[in-house]
Amino acid sequence: MLLDLDNTLVDRDAAFSRWAAAAIAAAGGGDAQLQRLLAADAHGYAPRAQVLPVLREVLRAEELDDAALREMLMMDHVAQVRPAPGVLEQLDRARRRGIGLIAVTNGTSAQQRAKIARTGLEPLLDRVVISEEVGVAKPDEAIFRIALEGPVPDAATWMLGDHARSDIGGGRGAGLRTGWVAHGRPWDPADGPVPDAVAPSCAELLAQVIDA
């Protein structure tokens, strides 16, 4: 089973929002500045270079250069990252069933490995595939092929994630069954056929797929 990390195994948006709210409050800002930054961040999918000017503005951090701001943007929220509710328990159940578990995530090695280490995910995963480390990112089918190259306890036939294009479209293109973490959203037909499994949360989706 291949698994997305951000907003699937971990609640990246909540972590980023908590960090941003505290940092903006410390700089004398409020909710308007927070909403501006969250919109610019686009759940982590906006190019980081586009977010830096907004971050500098809302934190009133004119003295910081781009390198310092980028490090802050990439790493400071990691301390706030938590596993999504029920995920650790469902992953443990999957392992006891002999299901291989591989995280496939876009991002930098330092950031994503720090999230995995601090959330207790590391001992539950057979392998972690990070776009920066392998030189290709979701939805490119190549990253899914790389993830499936090594040995796993059981055939990894599913890709679970929250992003319609990167996770579901990419997984489907690689010939995998797909499971979508809906987070209260309806599936958009423009994104293709409805995934093989849909659930409101990652834990519920894992339970559904484990028992399939």
N, C-alpha and C. Protein backbone atom coordinates (compact mmCIF):
# COMPACT_ATOMS: atom_id res chain seq x y z
N MET A 1 0.85 -1.19 0.00
CA MET A 1 0.00 0.00 0.00
C MET A 1 0.89 1.25 0.00
N LEU A 2 0.69 2.13 -0.98
CA LEU A 2 1.42 3.39 -1.03
C LEU A 2 0.57 4.48 -0.37
N LEU A 3 1.24 5.35 0.36
CA LEU A 3 0.53 6.32 1.20
C LEU A 3 1.14 7.71 1.06
N ASP A 4 0.31 8.68 0.78
CA ASP A 4 0.72 10.08 0.82
C ASP A 4 1.00 10.48 2.27
N LEU A 5 1.81 11.52 2.46
CA LEU A 5 2.13 11.97 3.82
C LEU A 5 1.28 13.17 4.24
N ASP A 6 1.47 14.32 3.58
CA ASP A 6 0.83 15.56 4.03
C ASP A 6 -0.67 15.54 3.81
N ASN A 7 -1.41 15.84 4.88
CA ASN A 7 -2.87 15.85 4.88
C ASN A 7 -3.48 14.49 4.56
N THR A 8 -2.66 13.46 4.74
CA THR A 8 -3.13 12.08 4.67
C THR A 8 -2.70 11.38 5.95
N LEU A 9 -1.43 10.99 6.04
CA LEU A 9 -0.94 10.38 7.28
C LEU A 9 -0.78 11.40 8.40
N VAL A 10 -0.41 12.63 8.04
CA VAL A 10 -0.28 13.70 9.03
C VAL A 10 -1.15 14.88 8.63
N ASP A 11 -1.54 15.68 9.62
CA ASP A 11 -2.38 16.85 9.37
C ASP A 11 -1.47 18.06 9.16
N ARG A 12 -0.97 18.18 7.95
CA ARG A 12 -0.03 19.25 7.62
C ARG A 12 -0.69 20.63 7.71
N ASP A 13 -1.93 20.75 7.23
CA ASP A 13 -2.59 22.05 7.23
C ASP A 13 -2.80 22.59 8.64
N ALA A 14 -3.21 21.72 9.57
CA ALA A 14 -3.41 22.16 10.95
C ALA A 14 -2.10 22.60 11.57
N ALA A 15 -1.02 21.87 11.29
CA ALA A 15 0.29 22.22 11.82
C ALA A 15 0.75 23.57 11.28
N PHE A 16 0.60 23.77 9.98
CA PHE A 16 1.02 25.03 9.37
C PHE A 16 0.20 26.18 9.92
N SER A 17 -1.10 25.97 10.08
CA SER A 17 -1.98 27.02 10.59
C SER A 17 -1.62 27.39 12.03
N ARG A 18 -1.34 26.39 12.87
CA ARG A 18 -0.96 26.67 14.26
C ARG A 18 0.33 27.48 14.32
N TRP A 19 1.31 27.04 13.55
CA TRP A 19 2.58 27.78 13.54
C TRP A 19 2.38 29.20 13.02
N ALA A 20 1.68 29.34 11.90
CA ALA A 20 1.49 30.65 11.29
C ALA A 20 0.74 31.59 12.22
N ALA A 21 -0.29 31.10 12.89
CA ALA A 21 -1.07 31.95 13.80
C ALA A 21 -0.19 32.48 14.92
N ALA A 22 0.64 31.61 15.49
CA ALA A 22 1.52 32.04 16.58
C ALA A 22 2.57 33.03 16.10
N ALA A 23 3.16 32.76 14.94
CA ALA A 23 4.20 33.65 14.41
C ALA A 23 3.62 35.01 14.04
N ILE A 24 2.45 35.03 13.46
CA ILE A 24 1.81 36.29 13.07
C ILE A 24 1.40 37.08 14.31
N ALA A 25 0.86 36.40 15.31
CA ALA A 25 0.49 37.08 16.56
C ALA A 25 1.71 37.70 17.22
N ALA A 26 2.84 36.99 17.20
CA ALA A 26 4.07 37.52 17.80
C ALA A 26 4.56 38.75 17.06
N ALA A 27 4.21 38.85 15.77
CA ALA A 27 4.60 40.01 14.97
C ALA A 27 3.57 41.13 15.03
N GLY A 28 2.50 40.94 15.82
CA GLY A 28 1.49 41.97 15.98
C GLY A 28 0.36 41.89 14.98
N GLY A 29 0.28 40.79 14.23
CA GLY A 29 -0.78 40.64 13.25
C GLY A 29 -1.96 39.87 13.81
N GLY A 30 -2.94 39.64 12.94
CA GLY A 30 -4.16 38.96 13.38
C GLY A 30 -4.71 38.04 12.32
N ASP A 31 -6.02 37.81 12.36
CA ASP A 31 -6.64 36.82 11.49
C ASP A 31 -6.55 37.19 10.02
N ALA A 32 -6.62 38.47 9.70
CA ALA A 32 -6.54 38.87 8.29
C ALA A 32 -5.20 38.46 7.69
N GLN A 33 -4.14 38.66 8.45
CA GLN A 33 -2.81 38.28 7.98
C GLN A 33 -2.68 36.75 7.88
N LEU A 34 -3.27 36.05 8.86
CA LEU A 34 -3.23 34.59 8.83
C LEU A 34 -3.94 34.06 7.59
N GLN A 35 -5.13 34.57 7.31
CA GLN A 35 -5.88 34.09 6.15
C GLN A 35 -5.14 34.40 4.85
N ARG A 36 -4.46 35.53 4.81
CA ARG A 36 -3.68 35.89 3.62
C ARG A 36 -2.55 34.88 3.40
N LEU A 37 -1.87 34.51 4.47
CA LEU A 37 -0.77 33.55 4.34
C LEU A 37 -1.28 32.17 3.97
N LEU A 38 -2.37 31.74 4.60
CA LEU A 38 -2.92 30.42 4.29
C LEU A 38 -3.37 30.34 2.83
N ALA A 39 -3.96 31.41 2.34
CA ALA A 39 -4.38 31.43 0.93
C ALA A 39 -3.17 31.35 0.01
N ALA A 40 -2.12 32.08 0.35
CA ALA A 40 -0.91 32.06 -0.47
C ALA A 40 -0.24 30.69 -0.45
N ASP A 41 -0.29 30.04 0.70
CA ASP A 41 0.34 28.72 0.87
C ASP A 41 -0.35 27.64 0.05
N ALA A 42 -1.67 27.76 -0.11
CA ALA A 42 -2.45 26.81 -0.92
C ALA A 42 -2.21 25.37 -0.49
N HIS A 43 -2.32 25.13 0.82
CA HIS A 43 -2.15 23.77 1.37
C HIS A 43 -0.77 23.19 1.07
N GLY A 44 0.21 24.07 0.89
CA GLY A 44 1.57 23.62 0.63
C GLY A 44 1.89 23.39 -0.83
N TYR A 45 0.92 23.61 -1.73
CA TYR A 45 1.14 23.33 -3.14
C TYR A 45 1.65 24.54 -3.92
N ALA A 46 1.53 25.75 -3.38
CA ALA A 46 2.04 26.92 -4.09
C ALA A 46 3.56 26.89 -4.09
N PRO A 47 4.20 27.29 -5.18
CA PRO A 47 5.67 27.37 -5.18
C PRO A 47 6.15 28.22 -4.01
N ARG A 48 7.15 27.71 -3.30
CA ARG A 48 7.60 28.40 -2.09
C ARG A 48 8.08 29.82 -2.40
N ALA A 49 8.68 30.03 -3.57
CA ALA A 49 9.16 31.37 -3.92
C ALA A 49 8.02 32.37 -3.98
N GLN A 50 6.81 31.91 -4.33
CA GLN A 50 5.65 32.81 -4.39
C GLN A 50 5.11 33.14 -3.00
N VAL A 51 5.37 32.26 -2.04
CA VAL A 51 4.85 32.47 -0.69
C VAL A 51 5.75 33.40 0.12
N LEU A 52 7.04 33.44 -0.21
CA LEU A 52 8.00 34.22 0.59
C LEU A 52 7.63 35.70 0.74
N PRO A 53 7.22 36.40 -0.33
CA PRO A 53 6.86 37.81 -0.14
C PRO A 53 5.69 38.01 0.82
N VAL A 54 4.72 37.10 0.77
CA VAL A 54 3.57 37.19 1.67
C VAL A 54 4.01 36.92 3.10
N LEU A 55 4.86 35.92 3.29
CA LEU A 55 5.37 35.61 4.63
C LEU A 55 6.14 36.79 5.19
N ARG A 56 6.98 37.40 4.38
CA ARG A 56 7.75 38.57 4.84
C ARG A 56 6.80 39.71 5.26
N GLU A 57 5.74 39.89 4.48
CA GLU A 57 4.79 40.97 4.77
C GLU A 57 4.03 40.72 6.07
N VAL A 58 3.46 39.51 6.23
CA VAL A 58 2.61 39.26 7.39
C VAL A 58 3.41 39.15 8.68
N LEU A 59 4.69 38.78 8.57
CA LEU A 59 5.55 38.72 9.76
C LEU A 59 6.32 40.00 9.99
N ARG A 60 6.16 40.95 9.07
CA ARG A 60 6.89 42.22 9.16
C ARG A 60 8.38 41.95 9.33
N ALA A 61 8.88 41.06 8.45
CA ALA A 61 10.25 40.55 8.59
C ALA A 61 11.12 41.05 7.44
N GLU A 62 11.09 42.35 7.21
CA GLU A 62 11.86 42.92 6.11
C GLU A 62 13.36 42.67 6.24
N GLU A 63 13.82 42.44 7.48
CA GLU A 63 15.26 42.26 7.70
C GLU A 63 15.74 40.87 7.30
N LEU A 64 14.82 39.92 7.10
CA LEU A 64 15.22 38.55 6.77
C LEU A 64 15.37 38.38 5.26
N ASP A 65 16.46 37.72 4.86
CA ASP A 65 16.64 37.46 3.43
C ASP A 65 15.81 36.24 3.02
N ASP A 66 15.78 35.98 1.73
CA ASP A 66 14.94 34.89 1.22
C ASP A 66 15.35 33.54 1.78
N ALA A 67 16.65 33.32 1.96
CA ALA A 67 17.11 32.02 2.47
C ALA A 67 16.59 31.77 3.88
N ALA A 68 16.65 32.78 4.73
CA ALA A 68 16.16 32.63 6.10
C ALA A 68 14.64 32.44 6.12
N LEU A 69 13.94 33.20 5.29
CA LEU A 69 12.48 33.06 5.22
C LEU A 69 12.08 31.69 4.70
N ARG A 70 12.81 31.20 3.70
CA ARG A 70 12.48 29.88 3.14
C ARG A 70 12.69 28.79 4.19
N GLU A 71 13.78 28.88 4.94
CA GLU A 71 14.02 27.90 6.01
C GLU A 71 12.89 27.94 7.04
N MET A 72 12.45 29.13 7.39
CA MET A 72 11.34 29.29 8.33
C MET A 72 10.07 28.66 7.76
N LEU A 73 9.79 28.95 6.50
CA LEU A 73 8.58 28.45 5.86
C LEU A 73 8.57 26.93 5.76
N MET A 74 9.72 26.37 5.46
CA MET A 74 9.80 24.93 5.25
C MET A 74 9.82 24.14 6.55
N MET A 75 10.49 24.67 7.59
CA MET A 75 10.80 23.84 8.75
C MET A 75 10.12 24.24 10.05
N ASP A 76 9.74 25.50 10.23
CA ASP A 76 9.28 25.92 11.55
C ASP A 76 7.95 25.28 11.95
N HIS A 77 7.12 24.92 10.99
CA HIS A 77 5.83 24.30 11.34
C HIS A 77 5.96 22.82 11.65
N VAL A 78 7.12 22.22 11.35
CA VAL A 78 7.27 20.77 11.52
C VAL A 78 7.07 20.36 12.97
N ALA A 79 7.48 21.22 13.90
CA ALA A 79 7.31 20.90 15.33
C ALA A 79 5.84 20.78 15.72
N GLN A 80 4.95 21.32 14.90
CA GLN A 80 3.51 21.27 15.18
C GLN A 80 2.81 20.08 14.53
N VAL A 81 3.54 19.31 13.72
CA VAL A 81 2.91 18.23 12.96
C VAL A 81 2.54 17.07 13.88
N ARG A 82 1.33 16.57 13.69
CA ARG A 82 0.84 15.42 14.44
C ARG A 82 0.31 14.38 13.44
N PRO A 83 0.32 13.10 13.82
CA PRO A 83 -0.34 12.12 12.95
C PRO A 83 -1.83 12.38 12.90
N ALA A 84 -2.44 12.13 11.76
CA ALA A 84 -3.89 12.28 11.67
C ALA A 84 -4.55 11.30 12.64
N PRO A 85 -5.68 11.68 13.23
CA PRO A 85 -6.33 10.83 14.24
C PRO A 85 -6.57 9.41 13.75
N GLY A 86 -6.18 8.45 14.57
CA GLY A 86 -6.43 7.04 14.27
C GLY A 86 -5.49 6.39 13.29
N VAL A 87 -4.59 7.17 12.70
CA VAL A 87 -3.72 6.64 11.64
C VAL A 87 -2.72 5.62 12.19
N LEU A 88 -2.07 5.92 13.30
CA LEU A 88 -1.07 4.99 13.82
C LEU A 88 -1.69 3.63 14.13
N GLU A 89 -2.88 3.65 14.69
CA GLU A 89 -3.56 2.40 15.03
C GLU A 89 -3.90 1.59 13.77
N GLN A 90 -4.35 2.28 12.73
CA GLN A 90 -4.70 1.57 11.50
C GLN A 90 -3.47 1.05 10.77
N LEU A 91 -2.37 1.80 10.81
CA LEU A 91 -1.14 1.32 10.19
C LEU A 91 -0.62 0.09 10.93
N ASP A 92 -0.70 0.11 12.24
CA ASP A 92 -0.29 -1.06 13.02
C ASP A 92 -1.15 -2.27 12.66
N ARG A 93 -2.43 -2.05 12.48
CA ARG A 93 -3.33 -3.14 12.10
C ARG A 93 -2.97 -3.68 10.72
N ALA A 94 -2.61 -2.77 9.80
CA ALA A 94 -2.21 -3.20 8.46
C ALA A 94 -0.94 -4.05 8.52
N ARG A 95 0.01 -3.63 9.33
CA ARG A 95 1.25 -4.40 9.45
C ARG A 95 0.98 -5.80 10.00
N ARG A 96 0.10 -5.87 10.99
CA ARG A 96 -0.22 -7.18 11.57
C ARG A 96 -0.94 -8.08 10.57
N ARG A 97 -1.53 -7.46 9.55
CA ARG A 97 -2.16 -8.23 8.46
C ARG A 97 -1.14 -8.61 7.38
N GLY A 98 0.10 -8.14 7.53
CA GLY A 98 1.13 -8.43 6.54
C GLY A 98 1.11 -7.53 5.33
N ILE A 99 0.50 -6.36 5.45
CA ILE A 99 0.41 -5.42 4.33
C ILE A 99 1.63 -4.51 4.33
N GLY A 100 2.32 -4.44 3.20
CA GLY A 100 3.46 -3.54 3.06
C GLY A 100 3.02 -2.10 2.99
N LEU A 101 3.75 -1.21 3.66
CA LEU A 101 3.37 0.21 3.76
C LEU A 101 4.54 1.08 3.32
N ILE A 102 4.31 1.88 2.29
CA ILE A 102 5.34 2.74 1.73
C ILE A 102 4.80 4.16 1.61
N ALA A 103 5.45 5.11 2.25
CA ALA A 103 5.07 6.52 2.10
C ALA A 103 5.69 7.06 0.82
N VAL A 104 4.90 7.75 0.02
CA VAL A 104 5.36 8.38 -1.21
C VAL A 104 4.95 9.85 -1.13
N THR A 105 5.94 10.73 -1.01
CA THR A 105 5.63 12.13 -0.71
C THR A 105 6.48 13.09 -1.53
N ASN A 106 5.87 14.18 -1.94
CA ASN A 106 6.61 15.27 -2.56
C ASN A 106 7.16 16.18 -1.46
N GLY A 107 8.36 16.70 -1.66
CA GLY A 107 8.93 17.62 -0.67
C GLY A 107 10.41 17.42 -0.52
N THR A 108 10.98 18.13 0.44
CA THR A 108 12.41 18.01 0.70
C THR A 108 12.66 16.88 1.69
N SER A 109 13.85 16.32 1.60
CA SER A 109 14.22 15.22 2.49
C SER A 109 14.19 15.65 3.95
N ALA A 110 14.79 16.80 4.26
CA ALA A 110 14.87 17.24 5.65
C ALA A 110 13.48 17.43 6.25
N GLN A 111 12.61 18.09 5.51
CA GLN A 111 11.27 18.38 6.03
C GLN A 111 10.45 17.11 6.20
N GLN A 112 10.39 16.29 5.19
CA GLN A 112 9.50 15.13 5.24
C GLN A 112 10.01 14.06 6.21
N ARG A 113 11.31 13.86 6.26
CA ARG A 113 11.83 12.87 7.21
C ARG A 113 11.67 13.34 8.65
N ALA A 114 11.75 14.65 8.87
CA ALA A 114 11.50 15.17 10.22
C ALA A 114 10.06 14.93 10.63
N LYS A 115 9.12 15.12 9.72
CA LYS A 115 7.71 14.86 10.03
C LYS A 115 7.49 13.39 10.39
N ILE A 116 8.08 12.51 9.61
CA ILE A 116 7.90 11.08 9.84
C ILE A 116 8.51 10.67 11.17
N ALA A 117 9.68 11.21 11.49
CA ALA A 117 10.36 10.84 12.74
C ALA A 117 9.59 11.31 13.96
N ARG A 118 9.06 12.52 13.91
CA ARG A 118 8.44 13.08 15.11
C ARG A 118 7.00 12.59 15.33
N THR A 119 6.41 11.97 14.34
CA THR A 119 5.01 11.55 14.48
C THR A 119 4.84 10.07 14.80
N GLY A 120 5.93 9.34 14.94
CA GLY A 120 5.83 7.92 15.24
C GLY A 120 5.53 7.05 14.04
N LEU A 121 5.61 7.60 12.84
CA LEU A 121 5.31 6.83 11.64
C LEU A 121 6.46 5.92 11.21
N GLU A 122 7.68 6.32 11.54
CA GLU A 122 8.86 5.63 10.99
C GLU A 122 8.84 4.12 11.21
N PRO A 123 8.60 3.63 12.43
CA PRO A 123 8.65 2.17 12.62
C PRO A 123 7.49 1.42 11.97
N LEU A 124 6.49 2.14 11.51
CA LEU A 124 5.33 1.50 10.90
C LEU A 124 5.43 1.41 9.38
N LEU A 125 6.43 2.08 8.81
CA LEU A 125 6.57 2.12 7.35
C LEU A 125 7.72 1.23 6.91
N ASP A 126 7.51 0.50 5.83
CA ASP A 126 8.58 -0.32 5.27
C ASP A 126 9.60 0.53 4.52
N ARG A 127 9.13 1.60 3.93
CA ARG A 127 10.03 2.44 3.14
C ARG A 127 9.40 3.82 2.99
N VAL A 128 10.26 4.82 2.74
CA VAL A 128 9.80 6.18 2.49
C VAL A 128 10.44 6.66 1.19
N VAL A 129 9.63 7.12 0.26
CA VAL A 129 10.11 7.63 -1.02
C VAL A 129 9.77 9.11 -1.09
N ILE A 130 10.80 9.96 -1.19
CA ILE A 130 10.63 11.42 -1.17
C ILE A 130 11.10 11.99 -2.50
N SER A 131 10.32 12.88 -3.06
CA SER A 131 10.61 13.39 -4.41
C SER A 131 12.00 13.97 -4.52
N GLU A 132 12.45 14.74 -3.54
CA GLU A 132 13.78 15.36 -3.62
C GLU A 132 14.87 14.30 -3.71
N GLU A 133 14.67 13.18 -3.03
CA GLU A 133 15.69 12.14 -2.99
C GLU A 133 15.75 11.31 -4.26
N VAL A 134 14.63 11.16 -4.95
CA VAL A 134 14.61 10.30 -6.14
C VAL A 134 14.56 11.09 -7.44
N GLY A 135 14.41 12.41 -7.35
CA GLY A 135 14.47 13.25 -8.53
C GLY A 135 13.23 13.27 -9.40
N VAL A 136 12.12 12.83 -8.85
CA VAL A 136 10.85 12.86 -9.59
C VAL A 136 9.73 12.97 -8.58
N ALA A 137 8.65 13.64 -8.96
CA ALA A 137 7.57 13.93 -8.01
C ALA A 137 6.23 13.42 -8.53
N LYS A 138 5.31 13.17 -7.60
CA LYS A 138 3.92 12.88 -7.98
C LYS A 138 3.37 14.09 -8.73
N PRO A 139 2.58 13.91 -9.76
CA PRO A 139 1.91 12.68 -10.20
C PRO A 139 2.68 11.84 -11.22
N ASP A 140 3.96 12.15 -11.46
CA ASP A 140 4.74 11.37 -12.43
C ASP A 140 4.70 9.88 -12.05
N GLU A 141 4.37 9.05 -13.00
CA GLU A 141 4.27 7.61 -12.73
C GLU A 141 5.60 7.02 -12.26
N ALA A 142 6.70 7.67 -12.60
CA ALA A 142 8.02 7.12 -12.26
C ALA A 142 8.22 6.99 -10.76
N ILE A 143 7.68 7.93 -9.98
CA ILE A 143 7.89 7.85 -8.53
C ILE A 143 7.15 6.65 -7.93
N PHE A 144 6.03 6.29 -8.51
CA PHE A 144 5.30 5.11 -8.03
C PHE A 144 6.06 3.83 -8.41
N ARG A 145 6.66 3.82 -9.60
CA ARG A 145 7.46 2.66 -10.00
C ARG A 145 8.67 2.50 -9.08
N ILE A 146 9.30 3.62 -8.73
CA ILE A 146 10.44 3.57 -7.81
C ILE A 146 10.01 3.00 -6.47
N ALA A 147 8.86 3.45 -5.99
CA ALA A 147 8.36 2.98 -4.69
C ALA A 147 8.12 1.48 -4.69
N LEU A 148 7.74 0.94 -5.83
CA LEU A 148 7.39 -0.48 -5.91
C LEU A 148 8.57 -1.37 -6.27
N GLU A 149 9.76 -0.79 -6.47
CA GLU A 149 10.91 -1.58 -6.90
C GLU A 149 11.42 -2.52 -5.81
N GLY A 150 11.45 -2.06 -4.56
CA GLY A 150 12.03 -2.87 -3.49
C GLY A 150 11.05 -3.89 -2.96
N PRO A 151 11.56 -4.81 -2.12
CA PRO A 151 10.67 -5.83 -1.55
C PRO A 151 9.76 -5.25 -0.48
N VAL A 152 8.52 -5.70 -0.47
CA VAL A 152 7.56 -5.35 0.58
C VAL A 152 6.86 -6.64 1.00
N PRO A 153 6.31 -6.68 2.22
CA PRO A 153 5.70 -7.92 2.69
C PRO A 153 4.54 -8.42 1.85
N ASP A 154 3.82 -7.51 1.18
CA ASP A 154 2.67 -7.92 0.38
C ASP A 154 2.60 -6.99 -0.82
N ALA A 155 1.95 -7.44 -1.86
CA ALA A 155 1.85 -6.62 -3.06
C ALA A 155 1.20 -5.27 -2.74
N ALA A 156 1.86 -4.19 -3.14
CA ALA A 156 1.34 -2.84 -2.88
C ALA A 156 0.47 -2.44 -4.06
N THR A 157 -0.82 -2.60 -3.93
CA THR A 157 -1.72 -2.37 -5.06
C THR A 157 -2.55 -1.11 -4.92
N TRP A 158 -2.41 -0.39 -3.80
CA TRP A 158 -3.22 0.80 -3.54
C TRP A 158 -2.33 2.03 -3.42
N MET A 159 -2.87 3.17 -3.83
CA MET A 159 -2.31 4.48 -3.52
C MET A 159 -3.38 5.27 -2.80
N LEU A 160 -3.09 5.67 -1.55
CA LEU A 160 -4.04 6.45 -0.76
C LEU A 160 -3.52 7.87 -0.58
N GLY A 161 -4.38 8.86 -0.77
CA GLY A 161 -3.97 10.24 -0.58
C GLY A 161 -5.14 11.19 -0.66
N ASP A 162 -4.84 12.47 -0.46
CA ASP A 162 -5.90 13.49 -0.42
C ASP A 162 -5.94 14.35 -1.67
N HIS A 163 -4.92 14.27 -2.52
CA HIS A 163 -4.84 15.17 -3.66
C HIS A 163 -5.30 14.47 -4.94
N ALA A 164 -6.29 15.07 -5.60
CA ALA A 164 -6.90 14.42 -6.75
C ALA A 164 -5.90 14.16 -7.87
N ARG A 165 -5.04 15.12 -8.14
CA ARG A 165 -4.11 14.96 -9.27
C ARG A 165 -2.86 14.19 -8.87
N SER A 166 -2.20 14.63 -7.80
CA SER A 166 -0.92 14.02 -7.43
C SER A 166 -1.08 12.58 -6.97
N ASP A 167 -2.06 12.34 -6.11
CA ASP A 167 -2.21 11.02 -5.50
C ASP A 167 -3.13 10.11 -6.32
N ILE A 168 -4.32 10.60 -6.62
CA ILE A 168 -5.30 9.74 -7.29
C ILE A 168 -4.97 9.61 -8.79
N GLY A 169 -4.78 10.74 -9.45
CA GLY A 169 -4.42 10.68 -10.86
C GLY A 169 -3.10 9.97 -11.10
N GLY A 170 -2.11 10.30 -10.26
CA GLY A 170 -0.81 9.65 -10.40
C GLY A 170 -0.87 8.16 -10.13
N GLY A 171 -1.56 7.79 -9.06
CA GLY A 171 -1.69 6.38 -8.73
C GLY A 171 -2.43 5.61 -9.80
N ARG A 172 -3.52 6.20 -10.30
CA ARG A 172 -4.29 5.54 -11.35
C ARG A 172 -3.43 5.36 -12.61
N GLY A 173 -2.64 6.38 -12.93
CA GLY A 173 -1.77 6.29 -14.09
C GLY A 173 -0.72 5.21 -13.97
N ALA A 174 -0.33 4.91 -12.72
CA ALA A 174 0.66 3.86 -12.48
C ALA A 174 0.02 2.48 -12.36
N GLY A 175 -1.28 2.40 -12.57
CA GLY A 175 -1.96 1.12 -12.55
C GLY A 175 -2.37 0.64 -11.18
N LEU A 176 -2.41 1.56 -10.21
CA LEU A 176 -2.78 1.19 -8.84
C LEU A 176 -4.26 1.45 -8.58
N ARG A 177 -4.83 0.72 -7.65
CA ARG A 177 -6.14 1.08 -7.13
C ARG A 177 -5.94 2.32 -6.27
N THR A 178 -6.96 3.16 -6.19
CA THR A 178 -6.79 4.44 -5.51
C THR A 178 -7.82 4.64 -4.42
N GLY A 179 -7.37 5.28 -3.33
CA GLY A 179 -8.25 5.65 -2.24
C GLY A 179 -8.06 7.11 -1.90
N TRP A 180 -9.16 7.84 -1.78
CA TRP A 180 -9.13 9.29 -1.61
C TRP A 180 -9.60 9.68 -0.22
N VAL A 181 -8.79 10.50 0.46
CA VAL A 181 -9.20 11.11 1.73
C VAL A 181 -9.94 12.39 1.38
N ALA A 182 -11.24 12.40 1.57
CA ALA A 182 -12.08 13.48 1.04
C ALA A 182 -12.03 14.76 1.87
N HIS A 183 -11.81 14.66 3.18
CA HIS A 183 -11.83 15.84 4.04
C HIS A 183 -13.08 16.69 3.81
N GLY A 184 -14.22 16.04 3.62
CA GLY A 184 -15.47 16.76 3.46
C GLY A 184 -15.74 17.32 2.08
N ARG A 185 -14.86 17.06 1.13
CA ARG A 185 -15.03 17.58 -0.23
C ARG A 185 -15.74 16.57 -1.12
N PRO A 186 -16.56 17.04 -2.06
CA PRO A 186 -17.11 16.12 -3.06
C PRO A 186 -16.06 15.84 -4.12
N TRP A 187 -16.14 14.68 -4.73
CA TRP A 187 -15.23 14.36 -5.83
C TRP A 187 -15.65 15.14 -7.07
N ASP A 188 -14.69 15.78 -7.73
CA ASP A 188 -14.95 16.56 -8.94
C ASP A 188 -14.80 15.64 -10.16
N PRO A 189 -15.87 15.44 -10.93
CA PRO A 189 -15.77 14.57 -12.11
C PRO A 189 -14.69 15.02 -13.09
N ALA A 190 -14.33 16.30 -13.06
CA ALA A 190 -13.27 16.78 -13.94
C ALA A 190 -11.93 16.13 -13.63
N ASP A 191 -11.81 15.57 -12.41
CA ASP A 191 -10.56 14.91 -12.01
C ASP A 191 -10.53 13.45 -12.41
N GLY A 192 -11.54 12.99 -13.14
CA GLY A 192 -11.54 11.61 -13.62
C GLY A 192 -12.54 10.75 -12.87
N PRO A 193 -12.48 9.45 -13.10
CA PRO A 193 -13.42 8.54 -12.43
C PRO A 193 -13.28 8.60 -10.92
N VAL A 194 -14.36 8.31 -10.23
CA VAL A 194 -14.33 8.28 -8.77
C VAL A 194 -13.31 7.23 -8.32
N PRO A 195 -12.47 7.55 -7.32
CA PRO A 195 -11.50 6.57 -6.83
C PRO A 195 -12.17 5.28 -6.36
N ASP A 196 -11.37 4.23 -6.26
CA ASP A 196 -11.90 2.93 -5.86
C ASP A 196 -12.45 2.94 -4.44
N ALA A 197 -11.90 3.78 -3.59
CA ALA A 197 -12.39 3.92 -2.21
C ALA A 197 -12.34 5.39 -1.83
N VAL A 198 -13.34 5.83 -1.09
CA VAL A 198 -13.42 7.22 -0.62
C VAL A 198 -13.85 7.20 0.83
N ALA A 199 -13.22 8.03 1.67
CA ALA A 199 -13.61 8.14 3.07
C ALA A 199 -13.31 9.54 3.56
N PRO A 200 -13.99 9.99 4.62
CA PRO A 200 -13.79 11.35 5.12
C PRO A 200 -12.41 11.59 5.72
N SER A 201 -11.79 10.55 6.29
CA SER A 201 -10.51 10.71 6.97
C SER A 201 -9.57 9.59 6.57
N CYS A 202 -8.28 9.79 6.86
CA CYS A 202 -7.30 8.77 6.51
C CYS A 202 -7.54 7.48 7.29
N ALA A 203 -7.83 7.60 8.58
CA ALA A 203 -8.06 6.40 9.39
C ALA A 203 -9.23 5.58 8.84
N GLU A 204 -10.30 6.27 8.46
CA GLU A 204 -11.47 5.56 7.92
C GLU A 204 -11.15 4.92 6.57
N LEU A 205 -10.34 5.63 5.76
CA LEU A 205 -9.95 5.06 4.47
C LEU A 205 -9.06 3.84 4.67
N LEU A 206 -8.10 3.94 5.58
CA LEU A 206 -7.24 2.80 5.86
C LEU A 206 -8.06 1.59 6.31
N ALA A 207 -8.99 1.82 7.21
CA ALA A 207 -9.82 0.72 7.70
C ALA A 207 -10.59 0.07 6.55
N GLN A 208 -11.11 0.90 5.67
CA GLN A 208 -11.89 0.40 4.53
C GLN A 208 -11.01 -0.45 3.61
N VAL A 209 -9.80 0.02 3.33
CA VAL A 209 -8.92 -0.68 2.40
C VAL A 209 -8.34 -1.94 3.05
N ILE A 210 -7.96 -1.86 4.31
CA ILE A 210 -7.42 -3.03 5.01
C ILE A 210 -8.43 -4.18 5.01
N ASP A 211 -9.69 -3.83 5.16
CA ASP A 211 -10.74 -4.85 5.24
C ASP A 211 -11.32 -5.23 3.89
N ALA A 212 -10.81 -4.60 2.83
CA ALA A 212 -11.37 -4.87 1.49
C ALA A 212 -11.09 -6.31 1.06
